[in-house]
Amino acid sequence: MKRFLSLLLFQEVAQKPMEKWFWSKRQILSTPFFEKIMSEMRYGLLTNFLHFENNDAFDKELHPNPKLRKISEFLDLAVKKFKSLCRLRPDIFVDESLIAYKGRLG
């Protein structure tokens, strides 16, 4: 799972128009790092069958953010872990113009 999540994060760093191009054999498109970490078939199976939500325990009325309900437990765990590892100083600022945004607001 660590390898799978690292590939997901690295896809944002080395962006390509199509996901299958990360495992391409063509030299101009290839990213050898991906093939060394995990095969394309295994990655595809993990993306198809990965499921974080307990469908029996979900209550639409009580959930704080229904749009994130499928990954909420994992998201809470990841945010907690990142907060414990990253200590930001008070003099660091992030300007909204530095962050690329493509899409619609929910």
PDB file of N, CA and C in Angstrom:
ATOM      1  N   MET A   1       0.816  -1.193   0.000  1.00  0.00           N
ATOM      2  CA  MET A   1       0.000   0.000   0.000  1.00  0.00           C
ATOM      3  C   MET A   1       0.864   1.264   0.000  1.00  0.00           C
ATOM      4  N   LYS A   2       2.006   1.205   0.694  1.00  0.00           N
ATOM      5  CA  LYS A   2       2.883   2.375   0.714  1.00  0.00           C
ATOM      6  C   LYS A   2       3.372   2.701  -0.697  1.00  0.00           C
ATOM      7  N   ARG A   3       3.696   1.661  -1.456  1.00  0.00           N
ATOM      8  CA  ARG A   3       4.159   1.873  -2.826  1.00  0.00           C
ATOM      9  C   ARG A   3       3.043   2.441  -3.695  1.00  0.00           C
ATOM     10  N   PHE A   4       1.845   1.923  -3.517  1.00  0.00           N
ATOM     11  CA  PHE A   4       0.698   2.405  -4.283  1.00  0.00           C
ATOM     12  C   PHE A   4       0.439   3.880  -3.995  1.00  0.00           C
ATOM     13  N   LEU A   5       0.425   4.243  -2.723  1.00  0.00           N
ATOM     14  CA  LEU A   5       0.193   5.643  -2.346  1.00  0.00           C
ATOM     15  C   LEU A   5       1.326   6.547  -2.818  1.00  0.00           C
ATOM     16  N   SER A   6       2.558   6.045  -2.788  1.00  0.00           N
ATOM     17  CA  SER A   6       3.667   6.867  -3.270  1.00  0.00           C
ATOM     18  C   SER A   6       3.545   7.111  -4.777  1.00  0.00           C
ATOM     19  N   LEU A   7       3.071   6.110  -5.525  1.00  0.00           N
ATOM     20  CA  LEU A   7       2.862   6.318  -6.958  1.00  0.00           C
ATOM     21  C   LEU A   7       1.752   7.334  -7.219  1.00  0.00           C
ATOM     22  N   LEU A   8       0.700   7.287  -6.422  1.00  0.00           N
ATOM     23  CA  LEU A   8      -0.376   8.268  -6.562  1.00  0.00           C
ATOM     24  C   LEU A   8       0.139   9.684  -6.329  1.00  0.00           C
ATOM     25  N   LEU A   9       0.947   9.861  -5.296  1.00  0.00           N
ATOM     26  CA  LEU A   9       1.502  11.179  -4.999  1.00  0.00           C
ATOM     27  C   LEU A   9       2.489  11.627  -6.074  1.00  0.00           C
ATOM     28  N   PHE A  10       3.286  10.694  -6.569  1.00  0.00           N
ATOM     29  CA  PHE A  10       4.290  11.053  -7.575  1.00  0.00           C
ATOM     30  C   PHE A  10       3.652  11.402  -8.914  1.00  0.00           C
ATOM     31  N   GLN A  11       2.451  10.891  -9.173  1.00  0.00           N
ATOM     32  CA  GLN A  11       1.765  11.230 -10.417  1.00  0.00           C
ATOM     33  C   GLN A  11       1.433  12.714 -10.483  1.00  0.00           C
ATOM     34  N   GLU A  12       1.291  13.353  -9.365  1.00  0.00           N
ATOM     35  CA  GLU A  12       1.045  14.787  -9.348  1.00  0.00           C
ATOM     36  C   GLU A  12       2.316  15.571  -9.631  1.00  0.00           C
ATOM     37  N   VAL A  13       3.467  14.986  -9.328  1.00  0.00           N
ATOM     38  CA  VAL A  13       4.741  15.655  -9.591  1.00  0.00           C
ATOM     39  C   VAL A  13       5.102  15.515 -11.070  1.00  0.00           C
ATOM     40  N   ALA A  14       5.035  14.298 -11.584  1.00  0.00           N
ATOM     41  CA  ALA A  14       5.362  14.025 -12.993  1.00  0.00           C
ATOM     42  C   ALA A  14       4.055  13.843 -13.761  1.00  0.00           C
ATOM     43  N   GLN A  15       3.388  14.925 -14.069  1.00  0.00           N
ATOM     44  CA  GLN A  15       2.066  14.849 -14.686  1.00  0.00           C
ATOM     45  C   GLN A  15       2.154  14.441 -16.151  1.00  0.00           C
ATOM     46  N   LYS A  16       1.204  13.575 -16.540  1.00  0.00           N
ATOM     47  CA  LYS A  16       1.062  13.147 -17.927  1.00  0.00           C
ATOM     48  C   LYS A  16      -0.422  13.132 -18.255  1.00  0.00           C
ATOM     49  N   PRO A  17      -0.770  13.345 -19.535  1.00  0.00           N
ATOM     50  CA  PRO A  17      -2.193  13.418 -19.897  1.00  0.00           C
ATOM     51  C   PRO A  17      -2.958  12.122 -19.654  1.00  0.00           C
ATOM     52  N   MET A  18      -2.302  10.979 -19.787  1.00  0.00           N
ATOM     53  CA  MET A  18      -2.978   9.695 -19.600  1.00  0.00           C
ATOM     54  C   MET A  18      -2.210   8.869 -18.579  1.00  0.00           C
ATOM     55  N   GLU A  19      -2.955   8.199 -17.709  1.00  0.00           N
ATOM     56  CA  GLU A  19      -2.323   7.436 -16.633  1.00  0.00           C
ATOM     57  C   GLU A  19      -1.472   6.285 -17.163  1.00  0.00           C
ATOM     58  N   LYS A  20      -1.891   5.660 -18.256  1.00  0.00           N
ATOM     59  CA  LYS A  20      -1.140   4.509 -18.783  1.00  0.00           C
ATOM     60  C   LYS A  20       0.222   4.907 -19.344  1.00  0.00           C
ATOM     61  N   TRP A  21       0.444   6.197 -19.621  1.00  0.00           N
ATOM     62  CA  TRP A  21       1.732   6.641 -20.136  1.00  0.00           C
ATOM     63  C   TRP A  21       2.842   6.535 -19.105  1.00  0.00           C
ATOM     64  N   PHE A  22       2.506   6.428 -17.833  1.00  0.00           N
ATOM     65  CA  PHE A  22       3.541   6.257 -16.813  1.00  0.00           C
ATOM     66  C   PHE A  22       4.257   4.917 -16.975  1.00  0.00           C
ATOM     67  N   TRP A  23       3.582   3.914 -17.540  1.00  0.00           N
ATOM     68  CA  TRP A  23       4.158   2.590 -17.741  1.00  0.00           C
ATOM     69  C   TRP A  23       4.469   2.325 -19.210  1.00  0.00           C
ATOM     70  N   SER A  24       4.504   3.339 -20.033  1.00  0.00           N
ATOM     71  CA  SER A  24       4.739   3.185 -21.465  1.00  0.00           C
ATOM     72  C   SER A  24       6.146   2.654 -21.728  1.00  0.00           C
ATOM     73  N   LYS A  25       6.278   1.841 -22.777  1.00  0.00           N
ATOM     74  CA  LYS A  25       7.587   1.314 -23.172  1.00  0.00           C
ATOM     75  C   LYS A  25       8.305   2.271 -24.125  1.00  0.00           C
ATOM     76  N   ARG A  26       7.578   3.239 -24.699  1.00  0.00           N
ATOM     77  CA  ARG A  26       8.200   4.217 -25.592  1.00  0.00           C
ATOM     78  C   ARG A  26       9.130   5.115 -24.784  1.00  0.00           C
ATOM     79  N   GLN A  27      10.316   5.309 -25.298  1.00  0.00           N
ATOM     80  CA  GLN A  27      11.335   6.034 -24.551  1.00  0.00           C
ATOM     81  C   GLN A  27      10.941   7.478 -24.271  1.00  0.00           C
ATOM     82  N   ILE A  28      10.243   8.112 -25.178  1.00  0.00           N
ATOM     83  CA  ILE A  28       9.867   9.510 -24.994  1.00  0.00           C
ATOM     84  C   ILE A  28       8.780   9.677 -23.925  1.00  0.00           C
ATOM     85  N   LEU A  29       7.979   8.644 -23.692  1.00  0.00           N
ATOM     86  CA  LEU A  29       6.882   8.715 -22.726  1.00  0.00           C
ATOM     87  C   LEU A  29       7.169   8.016 -21.410  1.00  0.00           C
ATOM     88  N   SER A  30       8.151   7.165 -21.395  1.00  0.00           N
ATOM     89  CA  SER A  30       8.347   6.276 -20.247  1.00  0.00           C
ATOM     90  C   SER A  30       8.793   7.021 -18.989  1.00  0.00           C
ATOM     91  N   THR A  31       8.406   6.437 -17.869  1.00  0.00           N
ATOM     92  CA  THR A  31       8.870   6.863 -16.559  1.00  0.00           C
ATOM     93  C   THR A  31       9.322   5.578 -15.862  1.00  0.00           C
ATOM     94  N   PRO A  32      10.606   5.213 -15.977  1.00  0.00           N
ATOM     95  CA  PRO A  32      11.074   3.914 -15.471  1.00  0.00           C
ATOM     96  C   PRO A  32      10.820   3.700 -13.988  1.00  0.00           C
ATOM     97  N   PHE A  33      10.718   4.766 -13.240  1.00  0.00           N
ATOM     98  CA  PHE A  33      10.474   4.668 -11.805  1.00  0.00           C
ATOM     99  C   PHE A  33       9.195   3.883 -11.513  1.00  0.00           C
ATOM    100  N   PHE A  34       8.148   4.123 -12.285  1.00  0.00           N
ATOM    101  CA  PHE A  34       6.864   3.476 -12.038  1.00  0.00           C
ATOM    102  C   PHE A  34       6.939   1.971 -12.250  1.00  0.00           C
ATOM    103  N   GLU A  35       7.599   1.544 -13.325  1.00  0.00           N
ATOM    104  CA  GLU A  35       7.712   0.111 -13.613  1.00  0.00           C
ATOM    105  C   GLU A  35       8.548  -0.599 -12.560  1.00  0.00           C
ATOM    106  N   LYS A  36       9.546   0.096 -12.002  1.00  0.00           N
ATOM    107  CA  LYS A  36      10.377  -0.514 -10.964  1.00  0.00           C
ATOM    108  C   LYS A  36       9.603  -0.712  -9.666  1.00  0.00           C
ATOM    109  N   ILE A  37       8.698   0.195  -9.364  1.00  0.00           N
ATOM    110  CA  ILE A  37       7.951   0.140  -8.110  1.00  0.00           C
ATOM    111  C   ILE A  37       6.802  -0.866  -8.183  1.00  0.00           C
ATOM    112  N   MET A  38       6.013  -0.826  -9.271  1.00  0.00           N
ATOM    113  CA  MET A  38       4.820  -1.668  -9.353  1.00  0.00           C
ATOM    114  C   MET A  38       4.424  -1.843 -10.815  1.00  0.00           C
ATOM    115  N   SER A  39       3.935  -3.020 -11.158  1.00  0.00           N
ATOM    116  CA  SER A  39       3.495  -3.241 -12.537  1.00  0.00           C
ATOM    117  C   SER A  39       2.184  -2.506 -12.792  1.00  0.00           C
ATOM    118  N   GLU A  40       1.930  -2.221 -14.056  1.00  0.00           N
ATOM    119  CA  GLU A  40       0.708  -1.504 -14.433  1.00  0.00           C
ATOM    120  C   GLU A  40      -0.533  -2.323 -14.100  1.00  0.00           C
ATOM    121  N   MET A  41      -0.438  -3.636 -14.260  1.00  0.00           N
ATOM    122  CA  MET A  41      -1.586  -4.512 -13.970  1.00  0.00           C
ATOM    123  C   MET A  41      -1.939  -4.487 -12.482  1.00  0.00           C
ATOM    124  N   ARG A  42      -0.938  -4.571 -11.639  1.00  0.00           N
ATOM    125  CA  ARG A  42      -1.181  -4.538 -10.193  1.00  0.00           C
ATOM    126  C   ARG A  42      -1.749  -3.190  -9.760  1.00  0.00           C
ATOM    127  N   TYR A  43      -1.197  -2.118 -10.309  1.00  0.00           N
ATOM    128  CA  TYR A  43      -1.695  -0.782 -10.009  1.00  0.00           C
ATOM    129  C   TYR A  43      -3.161  -0.647 -10.427  1.00  0.00           C
ATOM    130  N   GLY A  44      -3.490  -1.140 -11.604  1.00  0.00           N
ATOM    131  CA  GLY A  44      -4.864  -1.078 -12.086  1.00  0.00           C
ATOM    132  C   GLY A  44      -5.815  -1.855 -11.201  1.00  0.00           C
ATOM    133  N   LEU A  45      -5.398  -3.030 -10.741  1.00  0.00           N
ATOM    134  CA  LEU A  45      -6.245  -3.830  -9.845  1.00  0.00           C
ATOM    135  C   LEU A  45      -6.473  -3.105  -8.524  1.00  0.00           C
ATOM    136  N   LEU A  46      -5.424  -2.485  -7.992  1.00  0.00           N
ATOM    137  CA  LEU A  46      -5.577  -1.754  -6.736  1.00  0.00           C
ATOM    138  C   LEU A  46      -6.517  -0.561  -6.891  1.00  0.00           C
ATOM    139  N   THR A  47      -6.408   0.157  -8.007  1.00  0.00           N
ATOM    140  CA  THR A  47      -7.297   1.304  -8.192  1.00  0.00           C
ATOM    141  C   THR A  47      -8.740   0.870  -8.383  1.00  0.00           C
ATOM    142  N   ASN A  48      -8.953  -0.286  -8.997  1.00  0.00           N
ATOM    143  CA  ASN A  48     -10.323  -0.758  -9.219  1.00  0.00           C
ATOM    144  C   ASN A  48     -10.985  -1.281  -7.954  1.00  0.00           C
ATOM    145  N   PHE A  49     -10.215  -1.946  -7.101  1.00  0.00           N
ATOM    146  CA  PHE A  49     -10.820  -2.634  -5.971  1.00  0.00           C
ATOM    147  C   PHE A  49     -10.544  -2.011  -4.609  1.00  0.00           C
ATOM    148  N   LEU A  50      -9.853  -0.899  -4.562  1.00  0.00           N
ATOM    149  CA  LEU A  50      -9.583  -0.233  -3.292  1.00  0.00           C
ATOM    150  C   LEU A  50     -10.867   0.406  -2.767  1.00  0.00           C
ATOM    151  N   HIS A  51     -11.217   0.092  -1.538  1.00  0.00           N
ATOM    152  CA  HIS A  51     -12.491   0.557  -0.968  1.00  0.00           C
ATOM    153  C   HIS A  51     -12.254   0.913   0.491  1.00  0.00           C
ATOM    154  N   PHE A  52     -12.510   2.152   0.864  1.00  0.00           N
ATOM    155  CA  PHE A  52     -12.252   2.621   2.216  1.00  0.00           C
ATOM    156  C   PHE A  52     -13.500   2.700   3.085  1.00  0.00           C
ATOM    157  N   GLU A  53     -14.661   2.673   2.499  1.00  0.00           N
ATOM    158  CA  GLU A  53     -15.883   2.973   3.230  1.00  0.00           C
ATOM    159  C   GLU A  53     -16.557   1.720   3.768  1.00  0.00           C
ATOM    160  N   ASN A  54     -17.069   1.834   4.985  1.00  0.00           N
ATOM    161  CA  ASN A  54     -17.920   0.797   5.557  1.00  0.00           C
ATOM    162  C   ASN A  54     -19.359   1.210   5.261  1.00  0.00           C
ATOM    163  N   ASN A  55     -19.975   0.585   4.282  1.00  0.00           N
ATOM    164  CA  ASN A  55     -21.317   0.992   3.837  1.00  0.00           C
ATOM    165  C   ASN A  55     -22.383   0.803   4.908  1.00  0.00           C
ATOM    166  N   ASP A  56     -22.187  -0.131   5.818  1.00  0.00           N
ATOM    167  CA  ASP A  56     -23.181  -0.390   6.860  1.00  0.00           C
ATOM    168  C   ASP A  56     -23.201   0.703   7.924  1.00  0.00           C
ATOM    169  N   ALA A  57     -22.048   1.314   8.181  1.00  0.00           N
ATOM    170  CA  ALA A  57     -21.946   2.284   9.271  1.00  0.00           C
ATOM    171  C   ALA A  57     -22.204   3.728   8.824  1.00  0.00           C
ATOM    172  N   PHE A  58     -22.498   3.953   7.559  1.00  0.00           N
ATOM    173  CA  PHE A  58     -22.659   5.315   7.062  1.00  0.00           C
ATOM    174  C   PHE A  58     -24.061   5.850   7.337  1.00  0.00           C
ATOM    175  N   ASP A  59     -24.115   7.041   7.919  1.00  0.00           N
ATOM    176  CA  ASP A  59     -25.379   7.738   8.149  1.00  0.00           C
ATOM    177  C   ASP A  59     -25.284   9.101   7.488  1.00  0.00           C
ATOM    178  N   LYS A  60     -26.066   9.323   6.438  1.00  0.00           N
ATOM    179  CA  LYS A  60     -25.987  10.542   5.641  1.00  0.00           C
ATOM    180  C   LYS A  60     -26.285  11.794   6.464  1.00  0.00           C
ATOM    181  N   GLU A  61     -27.151  11.679   7.455  1.00  0.00           N
ATOM    182  CA  GLU A  61     -27.546  12.839   8.258  1.00  0.00           C
ATOM    183  C   GLU A  61     -26.448  13.286   9.217  1.00  0.00           C
ATOM    184  N   LEU A  62     -25.673  12.341   9.738  1.00  0.00           N
ATOM    185  CA  LEU A  62     -24.674  12.664  10.758  1.00  0.00           C
ATOM    186  C   LEU A  62     -23.277  12.925  10.205  1.00  0.00           C
ATOM    187  N   HIS A  63     -23.040  12.579   8.961  1.00  0.00           N
ATOM    188  CA  HIS A  63     -21.695  12.710   8.413  1.00  0.00           C
ATOM    189  C   HIS A  63     -21.368  14.179   8.166  1.00  0.00           C
ATOM    190  N   PRO A  64     -20.172  14.653   8.596  1.00  0.00           N
ATOM    191  CA  PRO A  64     -19.825  16.070   8.458  1.00  0.00           C
ATOM    192  C   PRO A  64     -19.617  16.516   7.006  1.00  0.00           C
ATOM    193  N   ASN A  65     -19.120  15.647   6.143  1.00  0.00           N
ATOM    194  CA  ASN A  65     -18.891  16.006   4.746  1.00  0.00           C
ATOM    195  C   ASN A  65     -19.263  14.819   3.862  1.00  0.00           C
ATOM    196  N   PRO A  66     -20.513  14.757   3.394  1.00  0.00           N
ATOM    197  CA  PRO A  66     -20.960  13.596   2.617  1.00  0.00           C
ATOM    198  C   PRO A  66     -20.195  13.384   1.311  1.00  0.00           C
ATOM    199  N   LYS A  67     -19.619  14.432   0.730  1.00  0.00           N
ATOM    200  CA  LYS A  67     -18.876  14.256  -0.516  1.00  0.00           C
ATOM    201  C   LYS A  67     -17.586  13.466  -0.305  1.00  0.00           C
ATOM    202  N   LEU A  68     -17.031  13.533   0.895  1.00  0.00           N
ATOM    203  CA  LEU A  68     -15.796  12.803   1.196  1.00  0.00           C
ATOM    204  C   LEU A  68     -16.051  11.545   2.016  1.00  0.00           C
ATOM    205  N   ARG A  69     -17.271  11.087   2.051  1.00  0.00           N
ATOM    206  CA  ARG A  69     -17.630   9.968   2.929  1.00  0.00           C
ATOM    207  C   ARG A  69     -16.853   8.689   2.618  1.00  0.00           C
ATOM    208  N   LYS A  70     -16.517   8.457   1.364  1.00  0.00           N
ATOM    209  CA  LYS A  70     -15.845   7.204   1.004  1.00  0.00           C
ATOM    210  C   LYS A  70     -14.406   7.140   1.496  1.00  0.00           C
ATOM    211  N   ILE A  71     -13.776   8.280   1.669  1.00  0.00           N
ATOM    212  CA  ILE A  71     -12.379   8.272   2.115  1.00  0.00           C
ATOM    213  C   ILE A  71     -12.191   9.019   3.429  1.00  0.00           C
ATOM    214  N   SER A  72     -13.260   9.313   4.133  1.00  0.00           N
ATOM    215  CA  SER A  72     -13.146  10.170   5.322  1.00  0.00           C
ATOM    216  C   SER A  72     -12.249   9.572   6.403  1.00  0.00           C
ATOM    217  N   GLU A  73     -12.369   8.281   6.671  1.00  0.00           N
ATOM    218  CA  GLU A  73     -11.528   7.673   7.712  1.00  0.00           C
ATOM    219  C   GLU A  73     -10.060   7.710   7.312  1.00  0.00           C
ATOM    220  N   PHE A  74      -9.786   7.386   6.052  1.00  0.00           N
ATOM    221  CA  PHE A  74      -8.411   7.419   5.564  1.00  0.00           C
ATOM    222  C   PHE A  74      -7.885   8.852   5.558  1.00  0.00           C
ATOM    223  N   LEU A  75      -8.717   9.798   5.142  1.00  0.00           N
ATOM    224  CA  LEU A  75      -8.319  11.202   5.100  1.00  0.00           C
ATOM    225  C   LEU A  75      -7.984  11.717   6.496  1.00  0.00           C
ATOM    226  N   ASP A  76      -8.801  11.385   7.475  1.00  0.00           N
ATOM    227  CA  ASP A  76      -8.529  11.801   8.856  1.00  0.00           C
ATOM    228  C   ASP A  76      -7.204  11.234   9.345  1.00  0.00           C
ATOM    229  N   LEU A  77      -6.954   9.964   9.036  1.00  0.00           N
ATOM    230  CA  LEU A  77      -5.701   9.325   9.430  1.00  0.00           C
ATOM    231  C   LEU A  77      -4.507   9.991   8.753  1.00  0.00           C
ATOM    232  N   ALA A  78      -4.624  10.272   7.450  1.00  0.00           N
ATOM    233  CA  ALA A  78      -3.520  10.902   6.715  1.00  0.00           C
ATOM    234  C   ALA A  78      -3.258  12.319   7.208  1.00  0.00           C
ATOM    235  N   VAL A  79      -4.306  13.095   7.444  1.00  0.00           N
ATOM    236  CA  VAL A  79      -4.131  14.469   7.935  1.00  0.00           C
ATOM    237  C   VAL A  79      -3.470  14.465   9.303  1.00  0.00           C
ATOM    238  N   LYS A  80      -3.898  13.561  10.159  1.00  0.00           N
ATOM    239  CA  LYS A  80      -3.308  13.466  11.505  1.00  0.00           C
ATOM    240  C   LYS A  80      -1.816  13.113  11.423  1.00  0.00           C
ATOM    241  N   LYS A  81      -1.489  12.182  10.521  1.00  0.00           N
ATOM    242  CA  LYS A  81      -0.094  11.768  10.374  1.00  0.00           C
ATOM    243  C   LYS A  81       0.760  12.899   9.796  1.00  0.00           C
ATOM    244  N   PHE A  82       0.237  13.597   8.770  1.00  0.00           N
ATOM    245  CA  PHE A  82       0.986  14.703   8.178  1.00  0.00           C
ATOM    246  C   PHE A  82       1.181  15.835   9.180  1.00  0.00           C
ATOM    247  N   LYS A  83       0.181  16.108  10.002  1.00  0.00           N
ATOM    248  CA  LYS A  83       0.308  17.164  11.005  1.00  0.00           C
ATOM    249  C   LYS A  83       1.353  16.806  12.048  1.00  0.00           C
ATOM    250  N   SER A  84       1.453  15.530  12.380  1.00  0.00           N
ATOM    251  CA  SER A  84       2.447  15.130  13.376  1.00  0.00           C
ATOM    252  C   SER A  84       3.870  15.198  12.814  1.00  0.00           C
ATOM    253  N   LEU A  85       4.013  15.032  11.493  1.00  0.00           N
ATOM    254  CA  LEU A  85       5.339  15.043  10.888  1.00  0.00           C
ATOM    255  C   LEU A  85       5.793  16.427  10.447  1.00  0.00           C
ATOM    256  N   CYS A  86       4.866  17.299  10.139  1.00  0.00           N
ATOM    257  CA  CYS A  86       5.203  18.614   9.598  1.00  0.00           C
ATOM    258  C   CYS A  86       4.879  19.697  10.613  1.00  0.00           C
ATOM    259  N   ARG A  87       5.889  20.399  11.043  1.00  0.00           N
ATOM    260  CA  ARG A  87       5.708  21.510  11.969  1.00  0.00           C
ATOM    261  C   ARG A  87       5.935  22.809  11.208  1.00  0.00           C
ATOM    262  N   LEU A  88       4.880  23.527  10.911  1.00  0.00           N
ATOM    263  CA  LEU A  88       5.011  24.782  10.192  1.00  0.00           C
ATOM    264  C   LEU A  88       5.350  25.916  11.148  1.00  0.00           C
ATOM    265  N   ARG A  89       6.202  26.786  10.685  1.00  0.00           N
ATOM    266  CA  ARG A  89       6.546  27.966  11.462  1.00  0.00           C
ATOM    267  C   ARG A  89       5.521  29.049  11.182  1.00  0.00           C
ATOM    268  N   PRO A  90       5.344  29.993  12.090  1.00  0.00           N
ATOM    269  CA  PRO A  90       4.326  31.032  11.890  1.00  0.00           C
ATOM    270  C   PRO A  90       4.660  32.015  10.778  1.00  0.00           C
ATOM    271  N   ASP A  91       5.906  32.045  10.288  1.00  0.00           N
ATOM    272  CA  ASP A  91       6.265  33.000   9.253  1.00  0.00           C
ATOM    273  C   ASP A  91       6.170  32.434   7.831  1.00  0.00           C
ATOM    274  N   ILE A  92       5.539  31.274   7.649  1.00  0.00           N
ATOM    275  CA  ILE A  92       5.364  30.677   6.325  1.00  0.00           C
ATOM    276  C   ILE A  92       3.943  30.962   5.842  1.00  0.00           C
ATOM    277  N   PHE A  93       3.845  31.512   4.628  1.00  0.00           N
ATOM    278  CA  PHE A  93       2.550  31.843   4.052  1.00  0.00           C
ATOM    279  C   PHE A  93       2.414  31.193   2.687  1.00  0.00           C
ATOM    280  N   VAL A  94       1.205  30.762   2.350  1.00  0.00           N
ATOM    281  CA  VAL A  94       0.914  30.213   1.035  1.00  0.00           C
ATOM    282  C   VAL A  94      -0.105  31.122   0.365  1.00  0.00           C
ATOM    283  N   ASP A  95       0.285  31.668  -0.755  1.00  0.00           N
ATOM    284  CA  ASP A  95      -0.605  32.543  -1.506  1.00  0.00           C
ATOM    285  C   ASP A  95      -1.461  31.684  -2.440  1.00  0.00           C
ATOM    286  N   GLU A  96      -2.740  32.007  -2.564  1.00  0.00           N
ATOM    287  CA  GLU A  96      -3.643  31.216  -3.397  1.00  0.00           C
ATOM    288  C   GLU A  96      -3.231  31.221  -4.862  1.00  0.00           C
ATOM    289  N   SER A  97      -2.556  32.248  -5.303  1.00  0.00           N
ATOM    290  CA  SER A  97      -2.145  32.313  -6.703  1.00  0.00           C
ATOM    291  C   SER A  97      -1.030  31.320  -7.022  1.00  0.00           C
ATOM    292  N   LEU A  98      -0.354  30.787  -6.016  1.00  0.00           N
ATOM    293  CA  LEU A  98       0.703  29.812  -6.232  1.00  0.00           C
ATOM    294  C   LEU A  98       0.160  28.399  -6.442  1.00  0.00           C
ATOM    295  N   ILE A  99      -1.084  28.164  -6.086  1.00  0.00           N
ATOM    296  CA  ILE A  99      -1.661  26.833  -6.172  1.00  0.00           C
ATOM    297  C   ILE A  99      -2.486  26.722  -7.439  1.00  0.00           C
ATOM    298  N   ALA A 100      -2.135  25.777  -8.300  1.00  0.00           N
ATOM    299  CA  ALA A 100      -2.892  25.566  -9.537  1.00  0.00           C
ATOM    300  C   ALA A 100      -4.231  24.906  -9.203  1.00  0.00           C
ATOM    301  N   TYR A 101      -5.293  25.415  -9.794  1.00  0.00           N
ATOM    302  CA  TYR A 101      -6.622  24.852  -9.569  1.00  0.00           C
ATOM    303  C   TYR A 101      -7.305  24.650 -10.907  1.00  0.00           C
ATOM    304  N   LYS A 102      -7.708  23.417 -11.168  1.00  0.00           N
ATOM    305  CA  LYS A 102      -8.438  23.100 -12.387  1.00  0.00           C
ATOM    306  C   LYS A 102      -9.682  22.341 -11.992  1.00  0.00           C
ATOM    307  N   GLY A 103     -10.798  22.944 -12.100  1.00  0.00           N
ATOM    308  CA  GLY A 103     -12.024  22.245 -11.745  1.00  0.00           C
ATOM    309  C   GLY A 103     -13.058  23.188 -11.183  1.00  0.00           C
ATOM    310  N   ARG A 104     -14.108  22.593 -10.648  1.00  0.00           N
ATOM    311  CA  ARG A 104     -15.200  23.359 -10.083  1.00  0.00           C
ATOM    312  C   ARG A 104     -15.190  23.261  -8.563  1.00  0.00           C
ATOM    313  N   LEU A 105     -15.731  24.270  -7.931  1.00  0.00           N
ATOM    314  CA  LEU A 105     -15.861  24.230  -6.486  1.00  0.00           C
ATOM    315  C   LEU A 105     -17.072  23.391  -6.106  1.00  0.00           C
ATOM    316  N   GLY A 106     -16.937  22.615  -5.050  1.00  0.00           N
ATOM    317  CA  GLY A 106     -18.043  21.772  -4.592  1.00  0.00           C
ATOM    318  C   GLY A 106     -19.048  22.517  -3.789  1.00  0.00           C
TER     319      GLY A 106
END
